[in-house]
Amino acid sequence: MVVKLTPILIEKYDIANKVLNHLTDLESRHILFSIIKIPKTAKQISQEQKIPVSTTYKKIQTLLEASLIFEAQRDFNHDGKIIRFYQSKIDDIHITISKFAP
């Protein structure tokens, strides 16, 4: 018996589609490429890329879920709060599309 996936299920489990969605999203792309070489905090990314802090945190969460970035280190500020530094798992990207499939 062959199970045919509906478009909603395909979108949910299609990793290539998720990666492409993040790369086509301008803010996600700016975040990804700003943390390729040096890990940064969400506030540093926000200030550097001129993206609102709340949007930066939301995009970071979705990029973490997609495994495109990782938490590189944790530190504590002078108030004792945890500061998280994020880094991109992507060093370089080459996308080829053939027969309408990435």
PDB file of N, CA and C in Angstrom:
ATOM      1  N   MET A   1       0.833  -1.176   0.000  1.00  0.00           N
ATOM      2  CA  MET A   1       0.000   0.000   0.000  1.00  0.00           C
ATOM      3  C   MET A   1       0.884   1.248   0.000  1.00  0.00           C
ATOM      4  N   VAL A   2       0.665   2.129  -0.931  1.00  0.00           N
ATOM      5  CA  VAL A   2       1.430   3.358  -1.060  1.00  0.00           C
ATOM      6  C   VAL A   2       0.630   4.498  -0.441  1.00  0.00           C
ATOM      7  N   VAL A   3       1.271   5.205   0.464  1.00  0.00           N
ATOM      8  CA  VAL A   3       0.625   6.338   1.111  1.00  0.00           C
ATOM      9  C   VAL A   3       1.053   7.607   0.396  1.00  0.00           C
ATOM     10  N   LYS A   4       0.081   8.367  -0.039  1.00  0.00           N
ATOM     11  CA  LYS A   4       0.383   9.607  -0.739  1.00  0.00           C
ATOM     12  C   LYS A   4       0.320  10.750   0.262  1.00  0.00           C
ATOM     13  N   LEU A   5       1.387  11.533   0.318  1.00  0.00           N
ATOM     14  CA  LEU A   5       1.438  12.646   1.256  1.00  0.00           C
ATOM     15  C   LEU A   5       0.662  13.843   0.709  1.00  0.00           C
ATOM     16  N   THR A   6      -0.071  14.479   1.582  1.00  0.00           N
ATOM     17  CA  THR A   6      -0.784  15.692   1.199  1.00  0.00           C
ATOM     18  C   THR A   6       0.213  16.850   1.185  1.00  0.00           C
ATOM     19  N   PRO A   7      -0.117  17.952   0.497  1.00  0.00           N
ATOM     20  CA  PRO A   7       0.812  19.089   0.463  1.00  0.00           C
ATOM     21  C   PRO A   7       1.196  19.605   1.851  1.00  0.00           C
ATOM     22  N   ILE A   8       0.296  19.525   2.806  1.00  0.00           N
ATOM     23  CA  ILE A   8       0.613  19.992   4.164  1.00  0.00           C
ATOM     24  C   ILE A   8       1.679  19.094   4.782  1.00  0.00           C
ATOM     25  N   LEU A   9       1.568  17.785   4.618  1.00  0.00           N
ATOM     26  CA  LEU A   9       2.566  16.866   5.168  1.00  0.00           C
ATOM     27  C   LEU A   9       3.903  16.991   4.443  1.00  0.00           C
ATOM     28  N   ILE A  10       3.844  17.204   3.147  1.00  0.00           N
ATOM     29  CA  ILE A  10       5.076  17.382   2.381  1.00  0.00           C
ATOM     30  C   ILE A  10       5.816  18.604   2.898  1.00  0.00           C
ATOM     31  N   GLU A  11       5.091  19.698   3.124  1.00  0.00           N
ATOM     32  CA  GLU A  11       5.716  20.920   3.623  1.00  0.00           C
ATOM     33  C   GLU A  11       6.308  20.709   5.016  1.00  0.00           C
ATOM     34  N   LYS A  12       5.625  19.919   5.836  1.00  0.00           N
ATOM     35  CA  LYS A  12       6.081  19.683   7.206  1.00  0.00           C
ATOM     36  C   LYS A  12       7.378  18.881   7.243  1.00  0.00           C
ATOM     37  N   TYR A  13       7.527  17.899   6.359  1.00  0.00           N
ATOM     38  CA  TYR A  13       8.674  16.991   6.419  1.00  0.00           C
ATOM     39  C   TYR A  13       9.730  17.241   5.346  1.00  0.00           C
ATOM     40  N   ASP A  14       9.511  18.157   4.455  1.00  0.00           N
ATOM     41  CA  ASP A  14      10.464  18.412   3.380  1.00  0.00           C
ATOM     42  C   ASP A  14      11.552  19.369   3.867  1.00  0.00           C
ATOM     43  N   ILE A  15      12.701  18.811   4.197  1.00  0.00           N
ATOM     44  CA  ILE A  15      13.809  19.597   4.747  1.00  0.00           C
ATOM     45  C   ILE A  15      14.317  20.604   3.721  1.00  0.00           C
ATOM     46  N   ALA A  16      14.448  20.199   2.481  1.00  0.00           N
ATOM     47  CA  ALA A  16      14.938  21.109   1.445  1.00  0.00           C
ATOM     48  C   ALA A  16      14.036  22.328   1.336  1.00  0.00           C
ATOM     49  N   ASN A  17      12.738  22.103   1.425  1.00  0.00           N
ATOM     50  CA  ASN A  17      11.779  23.207   1.358  1.00  0.00           C
ATOM     51  C   ASN A  17      11.964  24.151   2.540  1.00  0.00           C
ATOM     52  N   LYS A  18      12.177  23.611   3.730  1.00  0.00           N
ATOM     53  CA  LYS A  18      12.379  24.443   4.914  1.00  0.00           C
ATOM     54  C   LYS A  18      13.645  25.287   4.789  1.00  0.00           C
ATOM     55  N   VAL A  19      14.713  24.673   4.328  1.00  0.00           N
ATOM     56  CA  VAL A  19      15.973  25.399   4.165  1.00  0.00           C
ATOM     57  C   VAL A  19      15.802  26.518   3.141  1.00  0.00           C
ATOM     58  N   LEU A  20      15.180  26.213   2.026  1.00  0.00           N
ATOM     59  CA  LEU A  20      14.954  27.235   1.005  1.00  0.00           C
ATOM     60  C   LEU A  20      14.079  28.367   1.526  1.00  0.00           C
ATOM     61  N   ASN A  21      13.076  28.041   2.326  1.00  0.00           N
ATOM     62  CA  ASN A  21      12.228  29.089   2.898  1.00  0.00           C
ATOM     63  C   ASN A  21      13.032  30.029   3.785  1.00  0.00           C
ATOM     64  N   HIS A  22      13.946  29.480   4.566  1.00  0.00           N
ATOM     65  CA  HIS A  22      14.782  30.324   5.419  1.00  0.00           C
ATOM     66  C   HIS A  22      15.755  31.161   4.587  1.00  0.00           C
ATOM     67  N   LEU A  23      16.269  30.596   3.524  1.00  0.00           N
ATOM     68  CA  LEU A  23      17.216  31.329   2.689  1.00  0.00           C
ATOM     69  C   LEU A  23      16.544  32.409   1.854  1.00  0.00           C
ATOM     70  N   THR A  24      15.271  32.228   1.547  1.00  0.00           N
ATOM     71  CA  THR A  24      14.556  33.256   0.797  1.00  0.00           C
ATOM     72  C   THR A  24      13.993  34.342   1.700  1.00  0.00           C
ATOM     73  N   ASP A  25      13.931  34.069   2.994  1.00  0.00           N
ATOM     74  CA  ASP A  25      13.475  35.080   3.947  1.00  0.00           C
ATOM     75  C   ASP A  25      14.639  36.039   4.216  1.00  0.00           C
ATOM     76  N   LEU A  26      14.433  37.306   3.919  1.00  0.00           N
ATOM     77  CA  LEU A  26      15.505  38.297   3.994  1.00  0.00           C
ATOM     78  C   LEU A  26      16.125  38.388   5.380  1.00  0.00           C
ATOM     79  N   GLU A  27      15.307  38.459   6.421  1.00  0.00           N
ATOM     80  CA  GLU A  27      15.843  38.602   7.776  1.00  0.00           C
ATOM     81  C   GLU A  27      16.596  37.348   8.218  1.00  0.00           C
ATOM     82  N   SER A  28      16.049  36.177   7.908  1.00  0.00           N
ATOM     83  CA  SER A  28      16.736  34.928   8.257  1.00  0.00           C
ATOM     84  C   SER A  28      18.082  34.833   7.555  1.00  0.00           C
ATOM     85  N   ARG A  29      18.104  35.237   6.297  1.00  0.00           N
ATOM     86  CA  ARG A  29      19.346  35.195   5.529  1.00  0.00           C
ATOM     87  C   ARG A  29      20.391  36.156   6.109  1.00  0.00           C
ATOM     88  N   HIS A  30      19.960  37.341   6.494  1.00  0.00           N
ATOM     89  CA  HIS A  30      20.883  38.296   7.111  1.00  0.00           C
ATOM     90  C   HIS A  30      21.440  37.756   8.422  1.00  0.00           C
ATOM     91  N   ILE A  31      20.580  37.131   9.208  1.00  0.00           N
ATOM     92  CA  ILE A  31      21.024  36.540  10.475  1.00  0.00           C
ATOM     93  C   ILE A  31      22.031  35.424  10.211  1.00  0.00           C
ATOM     94  N   LEU A  32      21.695  34.519   9.299  1.00  0.00           N
ATOM     95  CA  LEU A  32      22.592  33.398   8.975  1.00  0.00           C
ATOM     96  C   LEU A  32      23.975  33.868   8.549  1.00  0.00           C
ATOM     97  N   PHE A  33      24.016  34.829   7.657  1.00  0.00           N
ATOM     98  CA  PHE A  33      25.302  35.252   7.113  1.00  0.00           C
ATOM     99  C   PHE A  33      26.069  36.174   8.060  1.00  0.00           C
ATOM    100  N   SER A  34      25.386  36.760   9.048  1.00  0.00           N
ATOM    101  CA  SER A  34      26.106  37.615   9.998  1.00  0.00           C
ATOM    102  C   SER A  34      26.823  36.802  11.063  1.00  0.00           C
ATOM    103  N   ILE A  35      26.449  35.512  11.214  1.00  0.00           N
ATOM    104  CA  ILE A  35      27.065  34.686  12.256  1.00  0.00           C
ATOM    105  C   ILE A  35      27.839  33.494  11.675  1.00  0.00           C
ATOM    106  N   ILE A  36      28.301  33.643  10.458  1.00  0.00           N
ATOM    107  CA  ILE A  36      29.080  32.563   9.842  1.00  0.00           C
ATOM    108  C   ILE A  36      30.443  32.418  10.518  1.00  0.00           C
ATOM    109  N   LYS A  37      31.154  33.516  10.708  1.00  0.00           N
ATOM    110  CA  LYS A  37      32.522  33.441  11.222  1.00  0.00           C
ATOM    111  C   LYS A  37      32.606  33.606  12.728  1.00  0.00           C
ATOM    112  N   ILE A  38      31.801  34.507  13.283  1.00  0.00           N
ATOM    113  CA  ILE A  38      31.889  34.831  14.705  1.00  0.00           C
ATOM    114  C   ILE A  38      30.522  34.653  15.363  1.00  0.00           C
ATOM    115  N   PRO A  39      30.450  33.889  16.462  1.00  0.00           N
ATOM    116  CA  PRO A  39      29.175  33.765  17.175  1.00  0.00           C
ATOM    117  C   PRO A  39      28.771  35.107  17.787  1.00  0.00           C
ATOM    118  N   LYS A  40      27.483  35.388  17.749  1.00  0.00           N
ATOM    119  CA  LYS A  40      26.972  36.652  18.274  1.00  0.00           C
ATOM    120  C   LYS A  40      25.698  36.412  19.059  1.00  0.00           C
ATOM    121  N   THR A  41      25.374  37.375  19.916  1.00  0.00           N
ATOM    122  CA  THR A  41      24.122  37.318  20.658  1.00  0.00           C
ATOM    123  C   THR A  41      23.009  37.865  19.776  1.00  0.00           C
ATOM    124  N   ALA A  42      21.773  37.612  20.187  1.00  0.00           N
ATOM    125  CA  ALA A  42      20.624  38.119  19.438  1.00  0.00           C
ATOM    126  C   ALA A  42      20.641  39.644  19.395  1.00  0.00           C
ATOM    127  N   LYS A  43      21.028  40.279  20.486  1.00  0.00           N
ATOM    128  CA  LYS A  43      21.085  41.739  20.515  1.00  0.00           C
ATOM    129  C   LYS A  43      22.161  42.283  19.577  1.00  0.00           C
ATOM    130  N   GLN A  44      23.301  41.616  19.525  1.00  0.00           N
ATOM    131  CA  GLN A  44      24.360  42.045  18.604  1.00  0.00           C
ATOM    132  C   GLN A  44      23.895  41.913  17.156  1.00  0.00           C
ATOM    133  N   ILE A  45      23.237  40.806  16.852  1.00  0.00           N
ATOM    134  CA  ILE A  45      22.715  40.585  15.491  1.00  0.00           C
ATOM    135  C   ILE A  45      21.690  41.656  15.161  1.00  0.00           C
ATOM    136  N   SER A  46      20.793  41.913  16.099  1.00  0.00           N
ATOM    137  CA  SER A  46      19.735  42.894  15.904  1.00  0.00           C
ATOM    138  C   SER A  46      20.302  44.275  15.598  1.00  0.00           C
ATOM    139  N   GLN A  47      21.285  44.698  16.376  1.00  0.00           N
ATOM    140  CA  GLN A  47      21.883  46.019  16.168  1.00  0.00           C
ATOM    141  C   GLN A  47      22.660  46.081  14.856  1.00  0.00           C
ATOM    142  N   GLU A  48      23.421  45.032  14.586  1.00  0.00           N
ATOM    143  CA  GLU A  48      24.249  45.009  13.383  1.00  0.00           C
ATOM    144  C   GLU A  48      23.409  44.980  12.105  1.00  0.00           C
ATOM    145  N   GLN A  49      22.353  44.172  12.111  1.00  0.00           N
ATOM    146  CA  GLN A  49      21.541  43.987  10.903  1.00  0.00           C
ATOM    147  C   GLN A  49      20.328  44.919  10.846  1.00  0.00           C
ATOM    148  N   LYS A  50      20.129  45.707  11.917  1.00  0.00           N
ATOM    149  CA  LYS A  50      18.995  46.638  12.007  1.00  0.00           C
ATOM    150  C   LYS A  50      17.650  45.919  11.864  1.00  0.00           C
ATOM    151  N   ILE A  51      17.541  44.810  12.598  1.00  0.00           N
ATOM    152  CA  ILE A  51      16.317  44.011  12.668  1.00  0.00           C
ATOM    153  C   ILE A  51      15.792  44.168  14.087  1.00  0.00           C
ATOM    154  N   PRO A  52      14.485  44.358  14.273  1.00  0.00           N
ATOM    155  CA  PRO A  52      13.956  44.458  15.638  1.00  0.00           C
ATOM    156  C   PRO A  52      14.346  43.240  16.481  1.00  0.00           C
ATOM    157  N   VAL A  53      14.598  43.476  17.772  1.00  0.00           N
ATOM    158  CA  VAL A  53      15.058  42.407  18.669  1.00  0.00           C
ATOM    159  C   VAL A  53      14.048  41.265  18.722  1.00  0.00           C
ATOM    160  N   SER A  54      12.751  41.588  18.799  1.00  0.00           N
ATOM    161  CA  SER A  54      11.735  40.536  18.875  1.00  0.00           C
ATOM    162  C   SER A  54      11.733  39.673  17.621  1.00  0.00           C
ATOM    163  N   THR A  55      11.888  40.304  16.468  1.00  0.00           N
ATOM    164  CA  THR A  55      11.954  39.559  15.205  1.00  0.00           C
ATOM    165  C   THR A  55      13.203  38.701  15.167  1.00  0.00           C
ATOM    166  N   THR A  56      14.311  39.240  15.658  1.00  0.00           N
ATOM    167  CA  THR A  56      15.565  38.488  15.686  1.00  0.00           C
ATOM    168  C   THR A  56      15.420  37.228  16.526  1.00  0.00           C
ATOM    169  N   TYR A  57      14.812  37.358  17.701  1.00  0.00           N
ATOM    170  CA  TYR A  57      14.608  36.181  18.553  1.00  0.00           C
ATOM    171  C   TYR A  57      13.705  35.143  17.875  1.00  0.00           C
ATOM    172  N   LYS A  58      12.643  35.595  17.204  1.00  0.00           N
ATOM    173  CA  LYS A  58      11.735  34.663  16.511  1.00  0.00           C
ATOM    174  C   LYS A  58      12.463  33.933  15.380  1.00  0.00           C
ATOM    175  N   LYS A  59      13.234  34.686  14.607  1.00  0.00           N
ATOM    176  CA  LYS A  59      13.963  34.072  13.486  1.00  0.00           C
ATOM    177  C   LYS A  59      15.039  33.107  14.002  1.00  0.00           C
ATOM    178  N   ILE A  60      15.709  33.476  15.084  1.00  0.00           N
ATOM    179  CA  ILE A  60      16.710  32.589  15.667  1.00  0.00           C
ATOM    180  C   ILE A  60      16.067  31.283  16.098  1.00  0.00           C
ATOM    181  N   GLN A  61      14.888  31.364  16.704  1.00  0.00           N
ATOM    182  CA  GLN A  61      14.202  30.146  17.148  1.00  0.00           C
ATOM    183  C   GLN A  61      13.864  29.239  15.963  1.00  0.00           C
ATOM    184  N   THR A  62      13.372  29.814  14.879  1.00  0.00           N
ATOM    185  CA  THR A  62      13.039  28.986  13.709  1.00  0.00           C
ATOM    186  C   THR A  62      14.298  28.426  13.048  1.00  0.00           C
ATOM    187  N   LEU A  63      15.384  29.204  13.051  1.00  0.00           N
ATOM    188  CA  LEU A  63      16.644  28.707  12.489  1.00  0.00           C
ATOM    189  C   LEU A  63      17.235  27.594  13.346  1.00  0.00           C
ATOM    190  N   LEU A  64      17.064  27.686  14.662  1.00  0.00           N
ATOM    191  CA  LEU A  64      17.500  26.606  15.555  1.00  0.00           C
ATOM    192  C   LEU A  64      16.705  25.331  15.285  1.00  0.00           C
ATOM    193  N   GLU A  65      15.390  25.477  15.133  1.00  0.00           N
ATOM    194  CA  GLU A  65      14.520  24.320  14.870  1.00  0.00           C
ATOM    195  C   GLU A  65      14.860  23.661  13.541  1.00  0.00           C
ATOM    196  N   ALA A  66      15.299  24.456  12.579  1.00  0.00           N
ATOM    197  CA  ALA A  66      15.681  23.920  11.271  1.00  0.00           C
ATOM    198  C   ALA A  66      17.129  23.429  11.257  1.00  0.00           C
ATOM    199  N   SER A  67      17.826  23.546  12.369  1.00  0.00           N
ATOM    200  CA  SER A  67      19.225  23.126  12.508  1.00  0.00           C
ATOM    201  C   SER A  67      20.165  23.859  11.555  1.00  0.00           C
ATOM    202  N   LEU A  68      19.854  25.098  11.269  1.00  0.00           N
ATOM    203  CA  LEU A  68      20.732  25.900  10.430  1.00  0.00           C
ATOM    204  C   LEU A  68      21.726  26.700  11.258  1.00  0.00           C
ATOM    205  N   ILE A  69      21.414  26.893  12.539  1.00  0.00           N
ATOM    206  CA  ILE A  69      22.333  27.544  13.456  1.00  0.00           C
ATOM    207  C   ILE A  69      22.389  26.716  14.740  1.00  0.00           C
ATOM    208  N   PHE A  70      23.358  27.022  15.586  1.00  0.00           N
ATOM    209  CA  PHE A  70      23.458  26.333  16.867  1.00  0.00           C
ATOM    210  C   PHE A  70      23.901  27.325  17.929  1.00  0.00           C
ATOM    211  N   GLU A  71      23.670  26.965  19.167  1.00  0.00           N
ATOM    212  CA  GLU A  71      24.114  27.787  20.283  1.00  0.00           C
ATOM    213  C   GLU A  71      25.586  27.471  20.526  1.00  0.00           C
ATOM    214  N   ALA A  72      26.446  28.404  20.168  1.00  0.00           N
ATOM    215  CA  ALA A  72      27.891  28.177  20.213  1.00  0.00           C
ATOM    216  C   ALA A  72      28.438  28.239  21.633  1.00  0.00           C
ATOM    217  N   GLN A  73      27.884  29.131  22.437  1.00  0.00           N
ATOM    218  CA  GLN A  73      28.355  29.238  23.813  1.00  0.00           C
ATOM    219  C   GLN A  73      27.344  29.996  24.655  1.00  0.00           C
ATOM    220  N   ARG A  74      27.509  29.854  25.975  1.00  0.00           N
ATOM    221  CA  ARG A  74      26.690  30.596  26.932  1.00  0.00           C
ATOM    222  C   ARG A  74      27.625  31.348  27.866  1.00  0.00           C
ATOM    223  N   ASP A  75      27.158  32.488  28.288  1.00  0.00           N
ATOM    224  CA  ASP A  75      27.932  33.287  29.219  1.00  0.00           C
ATOM    225  C   ASP A  75      26.942  33.964  30.169  1.00  0.00           C
ATOM    226  N   PHE A  76      27.447  34.611  31.192  1.00  0.00           N
ATOM    227  CA  PHE A  76      26.603  35.342  32.124  1.00  0.00           C
ATOM    228  C   PHE A  76      26.977  36.816  32.068  1.00  0.00           C
ATOM    229  N   ASN A  77      25.940  37.686  32.094  1.00  0.00           N
ATOM    230  CA  ASN A  77      26.238  39.114  32.149  1.00  0.00           C
ATOM    231  C   ASN A  77      26.402  39.544  33.602  1.00  0.00           C
ATOM    232  N   HIS A  78      26.603  40.806  33.844  1.00  0.00           N
ATOM    233  CA  HIS A  78      26.852  41.298  35.195  1.00  0.00           C
ATOM    234  C   HIS A  78      25.635  41.141  36.120  1.00  0.00           C
ATOM    235  N   ASP A  79      24.436  40.973  35.550  1.00  0.00           N
ATOM    236  CA  ASP A  79      23.222  40.747  36.350  1.00  0.00           C
ATOM    237  C   ASP A  79      22.989  39.266  36.633  1.00  0.00           C
ATOM    238  N   GLY A  80      23.831  38.409  36.092  1.00  0.00           N
ATOM    239  CA  GLY A  80      23.673  36.975  36.291  1.00  0.00           C
ATOM    240  C   GLY A  80      22.749  36.311  35.279  1.00  0.00           C
ATOM    241  N   LYS A  81      22.312  37.055  34.262  1.00  0.00           N
ATOM    242  CA  LYS A  81      21.450  36.485  33.222  1.00  0.00           C
ATOM    243  C   LYS A  81      22.298  35.754  32.183  1.00  0.00           C
ATOM    244  N   ILE A  82      21.712  34.710  31.624  1.00  0.00           N
ATOM    245  CA  ILE A  82      22.419  33.918  30.612  1.00  0.00           C
ATOM    246  C   ILE A  82      22.409  34.663  29.276  1.00  0.00           C
ATOM    247  N   ILE A  83      23.566  34.739  28.672  1.00  0.00           N
ATOM    248  CA  ILE A  83      23.698  35.313  27.331  1.00  0.00           C
ATOM    249  C   ILE A  83      24.057  34.173  26.397  1.00  0.00           C
ATOM    250  N   ARG A  84      23.287  34.001  25.338  1.00  0.00           N
ATOM    251  CA  ARG A  84      23.536  32.926  24.372  1.00  0.00           C
ATOM    252  C   ARG A  84      24.161  33.502  23.107  1.00  0.00           C
ATOM    253  N   PHE A  85      25.174  32.822  22.620  1.00  0.00           N
ATOM    254  CA  PHE A  85      25.836  33.197  21.371  1.00  0.00           C
ATOM    255  C   PHE A  85      25.478  32.157  20.314  1.00  0.00           C
ATOM    256  N   TYR A  86      25.095  32.617  19.148  1.00  0.00           N
ATOM    257  CA  TYR A  86      24.654  31.735  18.071  1.00  0.00           C
ATOM    258  C   TYR A  86      25.636  31.796  16.915  1.00  0.00           C
ATOM    259  N   GLN A  87      25.770  30.659  16.243  1.00  0.00           N
ATOM    260  CA  GLN A  87      26.633  30.596  15.072  1.00  0.00           C
ATOM    261  C   GLN A  87      25.957  29.775  13.979  1.00  0.00           C
ATOM    262  N   SER A  88      26.215  30.159  12.750  1.00  0.00           N
ATOM    263  CA  SER A  88      25.650  29.491  11.591  1.00  0.00           C
ATOM    264  C   SER A  88      26.351  28.164  11.334  1.00  0.00           C
ATOM    265  N   LYS A  89      25.594  27.160  10.942  1.00  0.00           N
ATOM    266  CA  LYS A  89      26.182  25.886  10.514  1.00  0.00           C
ATOM    267  C   LYS A  89      26.538  25.933   9.038  1.00  0.00           C
ATOM    268  N   ILE A  90      26.112  26.985   8.369  1.00  0.00           N
ATOM    269  CA  ILE A  90      26.330  27.120   6.933  1.00  0.00           C
ATOM    270  C   ILE A  90      27.573  27.968   6.687  1.00  0.00           C
ATOM    271  N   ASP A  91      28.518  27.409   5.945  1.00  0.00           N
ATOM    272  CA  ASP A  91      29.701  28.166   5.558  1.00  0.00           C
ATOM    273  C   ASP A  91      29.548  28.728   4.146  1.00  0.00           C
ATOM    274  N   ASP A  92      28.939  27.929   3.298  1.00  0.00           N
ATOM    275  CA  ASP A  92      28.817  28.278   1.896  1.00  0.00           C
ATOM    276  C   ASP A  92      27.589  27.573   1.343  1.00  0.00           C
ATOM    277  N   ILE A  93      26.937  28.186   0.371  1.00  0.00           N
ATOM    278  CA  ILE A  93      25.718  27.582  -0.184  1.00  0.00           C
ATOM    279  C   ILE A  93      25.779  27.604  -1.711  1.00  0.00           C
ATOM    280  N   HIS A  94      25.431  26.479  -2.284  1.00  0.00           N
ATOM    281  CA  HIS A  94      25.248  26.355  -3.728  1.00  0.00           C
ATOM    282  C   HIS A  94      23.915  25.647  -3.927  1.00  0.00           C
ATOM    283  N   ILE A  95      23.014  26.281  -4.642  1.00  0.00           N
ATOM    284  CA  ILE A  95      21.691  25.693  -4.864  1.00  0.00           C
ATOM    285  C   ILE A  95      21.521  25.428  -6.350  1.00  0.00           C
ATOM    286  N   THR A  96      21.141  24.190  -6.653  1.00  0.00           N
ATOM    287  CA  THR A  96      20.874  23.799  -8.026  1.00  0.00           C
ATOM    288  C   THR A  96      19.446  23.302  -8.119  1.00  0.00           C
ATOM    289  N   ILE A  97      18.717  23.804  -9.080  1.00  0.00           N
ATOM    290  CA  ILE A  97      17.342  23.363  -9.266  1.00  0.00           C
ATOM    291  C   ILE A  97      17.234  22.684 -10.621  1.00  0.00           C
ATOM    292  N   SER A  98      16.783  21.423 -10.584  1.00  0.00           N
ATOM    293  CA  SER A  98      16.575  20.685 -11.812  1.00  0.00           C
ATOM    294  C   SER A  98      15.251  19.967 -11.732  1.00  0.00           C
ATOM    295  N   LYS A  99      14.501  20.025 -12.767  1.00  0.00           N
ATOM    296  CA  LYS A  99      13.183  19.403 -12.824  1.00  0.00           C
ATOM    297  C   LYS A  99      12.293  19.896 -11.665  1.00  0.00           C
ATOM    298  N   PHE A 100      12.405  21.173 -11.360  1.00  0.00           N
ATOM    299  CA  PHE A 100      11.597  21.846 -10.350  1.00  0.00           C
ATOM    300  C   PHE A 100      11.752  21.252  -8.960  1.00  0.00           C
ATOM    301  N   ALA A 101      12.855  20.577  -8.702  1.00  0.00           N
ATOM    302  CA  ALA A 101      13.111  20.021  -7.371  1.00  0.00           C
ATOM    303  C   ALA A 101      14.513  20.431  -6.939  1.00  0.00           C
ATOM    304  N   PRO A 102      14.652  21.020  -5.765  1.00  0.00           N
ATOM    305  CA  PRO A 102      15.978  21.441  -5.314  1.00  0.00           C
ATOM    306  C   PRO A 102      16.841  20.246  -4.944  1.00  0.00           C
TER     307      PRO A 102
END
